[in-house]
């Protein structure tokens, strides 16, 4: 069994590695990564599993099946800016303007 500090350190190491790989990852997972996600489709065990095993499963199987985005894409940003202009900012309503 691993202690909480070691588990947190392991999670931090895995998170740092994941973030460092964002620019090298595909925009969408491949078929093998998506198929691997079926490993999460299991009955819950009566006794659970060790925390370090669960963390490894989430990272080793789950991470390749994720979609990564580290900031807006230019077309999304342009679209968002064009939509912002479509909404008017509500004006404050005073009590007298209701009558």
N, C-alpha and C. Protein backbone atom coordinates (compact mmCIF):
# COMPACT_ATOMS: atom_id res chain seq x y z
N UNK A 1 0.84 -1.19 0.00
CA UNK A 1 0.00 0.00 0.00
C UNK A 1 0.88 1.24 0.00
N UNK A 2 0.49 2.22 -0.77
CA UNK A 2 1.26 3.45 -0.91
C UNK A 2 0.67 4.52 0.01
N UNK A 3 1.52 5.37 0.55
CA UNK A 3 1.00 6.44 1.42
C UNK A 3 0.49 7.60 0.57
N UNK A 4 -0.30 8.47 1.17
CA UNK A 4 -0.96 9.56 0.45
C UNK A 4 0.03 10.51 -0.21
N UNK A 5 1.14 10.80 0.45
CA UNK A 5 2.12 11.73 -0.14
C UNK A 5 2.75 11.12 -1.38
N UNK A 6 3.08 9.85 -1.32
CA UNK A 6 3.67 9.19 -2.48
C UNK A 6 2.67 9.11 -3.62
N UNK A 7 1.41 8.84 -3.29
CA UNK A 7 0.37 8.77 -4.31
C UNK A 7 0.16 10.13 -4.97
N UNK A 8 0.14 11.17 -4.15
CA UNK A 8 0.00 12.53 -4.68
C UNK A 8 1.19 12.89 -5.56
N UNK A 9 2.38 12.53 -5.15
CA UNK A 9 3.58 12.78 -5.96
C UNK A 9 3.51 12.02 -7.29
N UNK A 10 3.05 10.77 -7.24
CA UNK A 10 2.89 9.98 -8.47
C UNK A 10 1.85 10.61 -9.39
N UNK A 11 0.75 11.08 -8.83
CA UNK A 11 -0.27 11.76 -9.63
C UNK A 11 0.29 13.03 -10.26
N UNK A 12 1.09 13.77 -9.50
CA UNK A 12 1.72 14.98 -10.03
C UNK A 12 2.69 14.67 -11.16
N UNK A 13 3.46 13.61 -11.02
CA UNK A 13 4.40 13.20 -12.06
C UNK A 13 3.64 12.83 -13.33
N UNK A 14 2.57 12.07 -13.17
CA UNK A 14 1.77 11.67 -14.33
C UNK A 14 1.09 12.88 -14.98
N UNK A 15 0.59 13.81 -14.17
CA UNK A 15 -0.05 15.01 -14.72
C UNK A 15 0.95 15.87 -15.48
N UNK A 16 2.14 16.02 -14.93
CA UNK A 16 3.18 16.80 -15.60
C UNK A 16 3.56 16.16 -16.93
N UNK A 17 3.68 14.84 -16.94
CA UNK A 17 4.01 14.13 -18.18
C UNK A 17 2.89 14.31 -19.20
N UNK A 18 1.64 14.23 -18.75
CA UNK A 18 0.49 14.41 -19.64
C UNK A 18 0.50 15.82 -20.25
N UNK A 19 0.67 16.83 -19.41
CA UNK A 19 0.68 18.21 -19.92
C UNK A 19 1.83 18.45 -20.88
N UNK A 20 2.97 17.81 -20.61
CA UNK A 20 4.12 17.96 -21.50
C UNK A 20 3.92 17.31 -22.85
N UNK A 21 2.95 16.41 -22.94
CA UNK A 21 2.72 15.70 -24.20
C UNK A 21 1.56 16.27 -25.01
N UNK A 22 0.92 17.31 -24.53
CA UNK A 22 -0.28 17.84 -25.19
C UNK A 22 0.02 18.23 -26.63
N UNK A 23 1.11 18.89 -26.89
CA UNK A 23 1.43 19.34 -28.24
C UNK A 23 1.76 18.19 -29.18
N UNK A 24 2.10 17.02 -28.64
CA UNK A 24 2.43 15.87 -29.47
C UNK A 24 1.26 14.91 -29.62
N UNK A 25 0.19 15.15 -28.89
CA UNK A 25 -0.96 14.25 -28.94
C UNK A 25 -1.85 14.59 -30.13
N UNK A 26 -2.59 13.57 -30.53
CA UNK A 26 -3.57 13.76 -31.60
C UNK A 26 -4.70 14.65 -31.09
N UNK A 27 -5.40 15.28 -32.00
CA UNK A 27 -6.56 16.08 -31.62
C UNK A 27 -7.73 15.23 -31.17
N UNK A 28 -7.76 13.99 -31.65
CA UNK A 28 -8.81 13.05 -31.26
C UNK A 28 -8.17 11.68 -31.13
N UNK A 29 -8.56 10.88 -30.17
CA UNK A 29 -7.92 9.58 -29.96
C UNK A 29 -8.13 8.63 -31.14
N UNK A 30 -7.15 7.77 -31.38
CA UNK A 30 -7.28 6.77 -32.44
C UNK A 30 -8.18 5.62 -31.97
N UNK A 31 -8.47 4.70 -32.89
CA UNK A 31 -9.39 3.59 -32.58
C UNK A 31 -8.87 2.71 -31.45
N UNK A 32 -7.57 2.45 -31.44
CA UNK A 32 -7.00 1.60 -30.39
C UNK A 32 -7.19 2.22 -29.01
N UNK A 33 -6.98 3.53 -28.91
CA UNK A 33 -7.15 4.22 -27.62
C UNK A 33 -8.62 4.20 -27.19
N UNK A 34 -9.52 4.38 -28.15
CA UNK A 34 -10.95 4.35 -27.82
C UNK A 34 -11.38 2.95 -27.41
N UNK A 35 -10.89 1.94 -28.13
CA UNK A 35 -11.22 0.56 -27.77
C UNK A 35 -10.71 0.20 -26.38
N UNK A 36 -9.55 0.72 -26.02
CA UNK A 36 -8.97 0.43 -24.70
C UNK A 36 -9.84 0.95 -23.57
N UNK A 37 -10.66 1.96 -23.84
CA UNK A 37 -11.52 2.53 -22.80
C UNK A 37 -12.55 1.52 -22.28
N UNK A 38 -12.76 0.43 -23.03
CA UNK A 38 -13.69 -0.61 -22.55
C UNK A 38 -13.15 -1.31 -21.31
N UNK A 39 -11.88 -1.12 -20.99
CA UNK A 39 -11.34 -1.67 -19.74
C UNK A 39 -12.01 -1.05 -18.53
N UNK A 40 -12.63 0.11 -18.71
CA UNK A 40 -13.35 0.76 -17.61
C UNK A 40 -14.76 0.20 -17.45
N UNK A 41 -15.18 -0.60 -18.40
CA UNK A 41 -16.52 -1.18 -18.37
C UNK A 41 -16.46 -2.52 -17.64
N UNK A 42 -16.42 -2.44 -16.33
CA UNK A 42 -16.30 -3.64 -15.51
C UNK A 42 -17.18 -3.49 -14.28
N UNK A 43 -17.52 -4.60 -13.69
CA UNK A 43 -18.26 -4.54 -12.44
C UNK A 43 -17.35 -4.00 -11.34
N UNK A 44 -17.93 -3.27 -10.43
CA UNK A 44 -17.15 -2.75 -9.32
C UNK A 44 -16.78 -3.91 -8.39
N UNK A 45 -15.52 -4.02 -8.04
CA UNK A 45 -15.13 -5.11 -7.15
C UNK A 45 -15.61 -4.87 -5.72
N UNK A 46 -15.79 -5.94 -4.99
CA UNK A 46 -16.23 -5.82 -3.60
C UNK A 46 -15.17 -5.16 -2.72
N UNK A 47 -13.91 -5.46 -3.00
CA UNK A 47 -12.82 -4.97 -2.16
C UNK A 47 -12.10 -3.75 -2.73
N UNK A 48 -12.48 -3.28 -3.89
CA UNK A 48 -11.77 -2.16 -4.50
C UNK A 48 -10.44 -2.59 -5.06
N UNK A 49 -9.61 -1.63 -5.39
CA UNK A 49 -8.26 -1.92 -5.86
C UNK A 49 -7.32 -0.95 -5.21
N UNK A 50 -6.06 -1.28 -5.15
CA UNK A 50 -5.10 -0.35 -4.54
C UNK A 50 -5.10 0.99 -5.29
N UNK A 51 -4.92 2.07 -4.56
CA UNK A 51 -4.97 3.41 -5.14
C UNK A 51 -3.96 3.59 -6.27
N UNK A 52 -2.74 3.08 -6.09
CA UNK A 52 -1.73 3.26 -7.14
C UNK A 52 -2.11 2.50 -8.41
N UNK A 53 -2.81 1.38 -8.25
CA UNK A 53 -3.27 0.62 -9.42
C UNK A 53 -4.38 1.39 -10.14
N UNK A 54 -5.28 1.99 -9.38
CA UNK A 54 -6.35 2.81 -9.98
C UNK A 54 -5.80 4.02 -10.70
N UNK A 55 -4.82 4.67 -10.10
CA UNK A 55 -4.18 5.82 -10.73
C UNK A 55 -3.50 5.42 -12.03
N UNK A 56 -2.78 4.32 -12.00
CA UNK A 56 -2.09 3.84 -13.20
C UNK A 56 -3.09 3.49 -14.30
N UNK A 57 -4.20 2.85 -13.92
CA UNK A 57 -5.22 2.50 -14.90
C UNK A 57 -5.81 3.75 -15.55
N UNK A 58 -6.14 4.73 -14.73
CA UNK A 58 -6.69 5.98 -15.27
C UNK A 58 -5.73 6.65 -16.25
N UNK A 59 -4.46 6.68 -15.89
CA UNK A 59 -3.47 7.34 -16.75
C UNK A 59 -3.11 6.48 -17.96
N UNK A 60 -2.74 5.23 -17.73
CA UNK A 60 -2.25 4.38 -18.81
C UNK A 60 -3.33 4.05 -19.84
N UNK A 61 -4.55 3.83 -19.39
CA UNK A 61 -5.64 3.48 -20.29
C UNK A 61 -6.46 4.71 -20.66
N UNK A 62 -6.74 5.55 -19.68
CA UNK A 62 -7.61 6.70 -19.92
C UNK A 62 -6.96 7.84 -20.68
N UNK A 63 -5.73 8.18 -20.36
CA UNK A 63 -5.09 9.34 -20.99
C UNK A 63 -5.01 9.25 -22.51
N UNK A 64 -4.62 8.11 -23.09
CA UNK A 64 -4.59 8.04 -24.55
C UNK A 64 -5.96 8.22 -25.19
N UNK A 65 -7.02 7.98 -24.45
CA UNK A 65 -8.37 8.11 -24.99
C UNK A 65 -9.00 9.47 -24.77
N UNK A 66 -8.21 10.44 -24.35
CA UNK A 66 -8.75 11.77 -24.11
C UNK A 66 -8.53 12.69 -25.30
N UNK A 67 -9.31 13.75 -25.33
CA UNK A 67 -9.13 14.80 -26.32
C UNK A 67 -8.39 15.92 -25.62
N UNK A 68 -7.32 16.38 -26.20
CA UNK A 68 -6.53 17.43 -25.55
C UNK A 68 -6.76 18.76 -26.25
N UNK A 69 -6.80 19.80 -25.46
CA UNK A 69 -6.92 21.15 -25.96
C UNK A 69 -6.20 22.05 -24.97
N UNK A 70 -5.26 22.79 -25.47
CA UNK A 70 -4.50 23.67 -24.60
C UNK A 70 -4.63 25.10 -25.11
N UNK A 71 -5.86 25.57 -25.16
CA UNK A 71 -6.12 26.92 -25.62
C UNK A 71 -7.05 26.89 -26.82
N UNK A 72 -7.64 28.03 -27.14
CA UNK A 72 -8.61 28.07 -28.24
C UNK A 72 -7.94 27.93 -29.59
N UNK A 73 -8.65 27.29 -30.49
CA UNK A 73 -8.21 27.22 -31.88
C UNK A 73 -8.58 28.55 -32.53
N UNK A 74 -7.82 29.04 -33.50
CA UNK A 74 -8.12 30.35 -34.10
C UNK A 74 -9.54 30.46 -34.63
N UNK A 75 -10.06 29.42 -35.30
CA UNK A 75 -11.41 29.51 -35.84
C UNK A 75 -12.45 29.58 -34.73
N UNK A 76 -12.22 28.89 -33.64
CA UNK A 76 -13.14 28.94 -32.51
C UNK A 76 -13.12 30.32 -31.88
N UNK A 77 -11.93 30.88 -31.75
CA UNK A 77 -11.82 32.22 -31.16
C UNK A 77 -12.53 33.25 -32.03
N UNK A 78 -12.35 33.18 -33.35
CA UNK A 78 -13.03 34.11 -34.25
C UNK A 78 -14.54 33.97 -34.13
N UNK A 79 -15.00 32.71 -34.09
CA UNK A 79 -16.43 32.46 -33.97
C UNK A 79 -16.97 33.03 -32.66
N UNK A 80 -16.25 32.84 -31.59
CA UNK A 80 -16.69 33.34 -30.28
C UNK A 80 -16.77 34.86 -30.30
N UNK A 81 -15.78 35.52 -30.90
CA UNK A 81 -15.80 36.98 -30.95
C UNK A 81 -16.98 37.48 -31.78
N UNK A 82 -17.30 36.80 -32.87
CA UNK A 82 -18.42 37.24 -33.70
C UNK A 82 -19.75 37.04 -32.97
N UNK A 83 -19.84 36.01 -32.13
CA UNK A 83 -21.08 35.74 -31.39
C UNK A 83 -21.26 36.72 -30.23
N UNK A 84 -20.17 37.20 -29.68
CA UNK A 84 -20.28 38.13 -28.55
C UNK A 84 -21.01 39.39 -28.97
N UNK A 85 -20.75 39.85 -30.19
CA UNK A 85 -21.41 41.05 -30.69
C UNK A 85 -22.90 40.85 -30.90
N UNK A 86 -23.34 39.62 -31.01
CA UNK A 86 -24.76 39.34 -31.24
C UNK A 86 -25.60 39.52 -29.98
N UNK A 87 -24.97 39.59 -28.84
CA UNK A 87 -25.70 39.73 -27.59
C UNK A 87 -25.51 41.13 -27.04
N UNK A 88 -26.59 41.77 -26.74
CA UNK A 88 -26.51 43.10 -26.15
C UNK A 88 -26.40 42.97 -24.65
N UNK A 89 -25.62 43.83 -24.09
CA UNK A 89 -25.48 43.86 -22.64
C UNK A 89 -26.77 44.43 -22.04
N UNK A 90 -27.37 43.71 -21.09
CA UNK A 90 -28.61 44.22 -20.50
C UNK A 90 -28.37 45.53 -19.77
N UNK A 91 -29.33 46.42 -19.94
CA UNK A 91 -29.25 47.72 -19.28
C UNK A 91 -29.91 47.61 -17.91
N UNK A 92 -29.36 48.31 -16.92
CA UNK A 92 -29.99 48.27 -15.60
C UNK A 92 -31.39 48.88 -15.67
N UNK A 93 -32.29 48.30 -14.94
CA UNK A 93 -33.67 48.77 -14.93
C UNK A 93 -33.94 49.42 -13.57
N UNK A 94 -34.31 50.69 -13.62
CA UNK A 94 -34.65 51.40 -12.38
C UNK A 94 -36.11 51.15 -12.02
N UNK A 95 -36.44 51.39 -10.81
CA UNK A 95 -37.80 51.16 -10.32
C UNK A 95 -38.80 52.05 -11.09
N UNK A 96 -38.44 53.29 -11.39
CA UNK A 96 -39.35 54.20 -12.09
C UNK A 96 -39.57 53.79 -13.52
N UNK A 97 -38.62 53.11 -14.15
CA UNK A 97 -38.80 52.75 -15.55
C UNK A 97 -39.81 51.61 -15.72
N UNK A 98 -40.23 51.00 -14.63
CA UNK A 98 -41.21 49.94 -14.72
C UNK A 98 -42.63 50.48 -14.83
N UNK A 99 -42.85 51.77 -14.50
CA UNK A 99 -44.19 52.33 -14.52
C UNK A 99 -44.43 53.18 -15.73
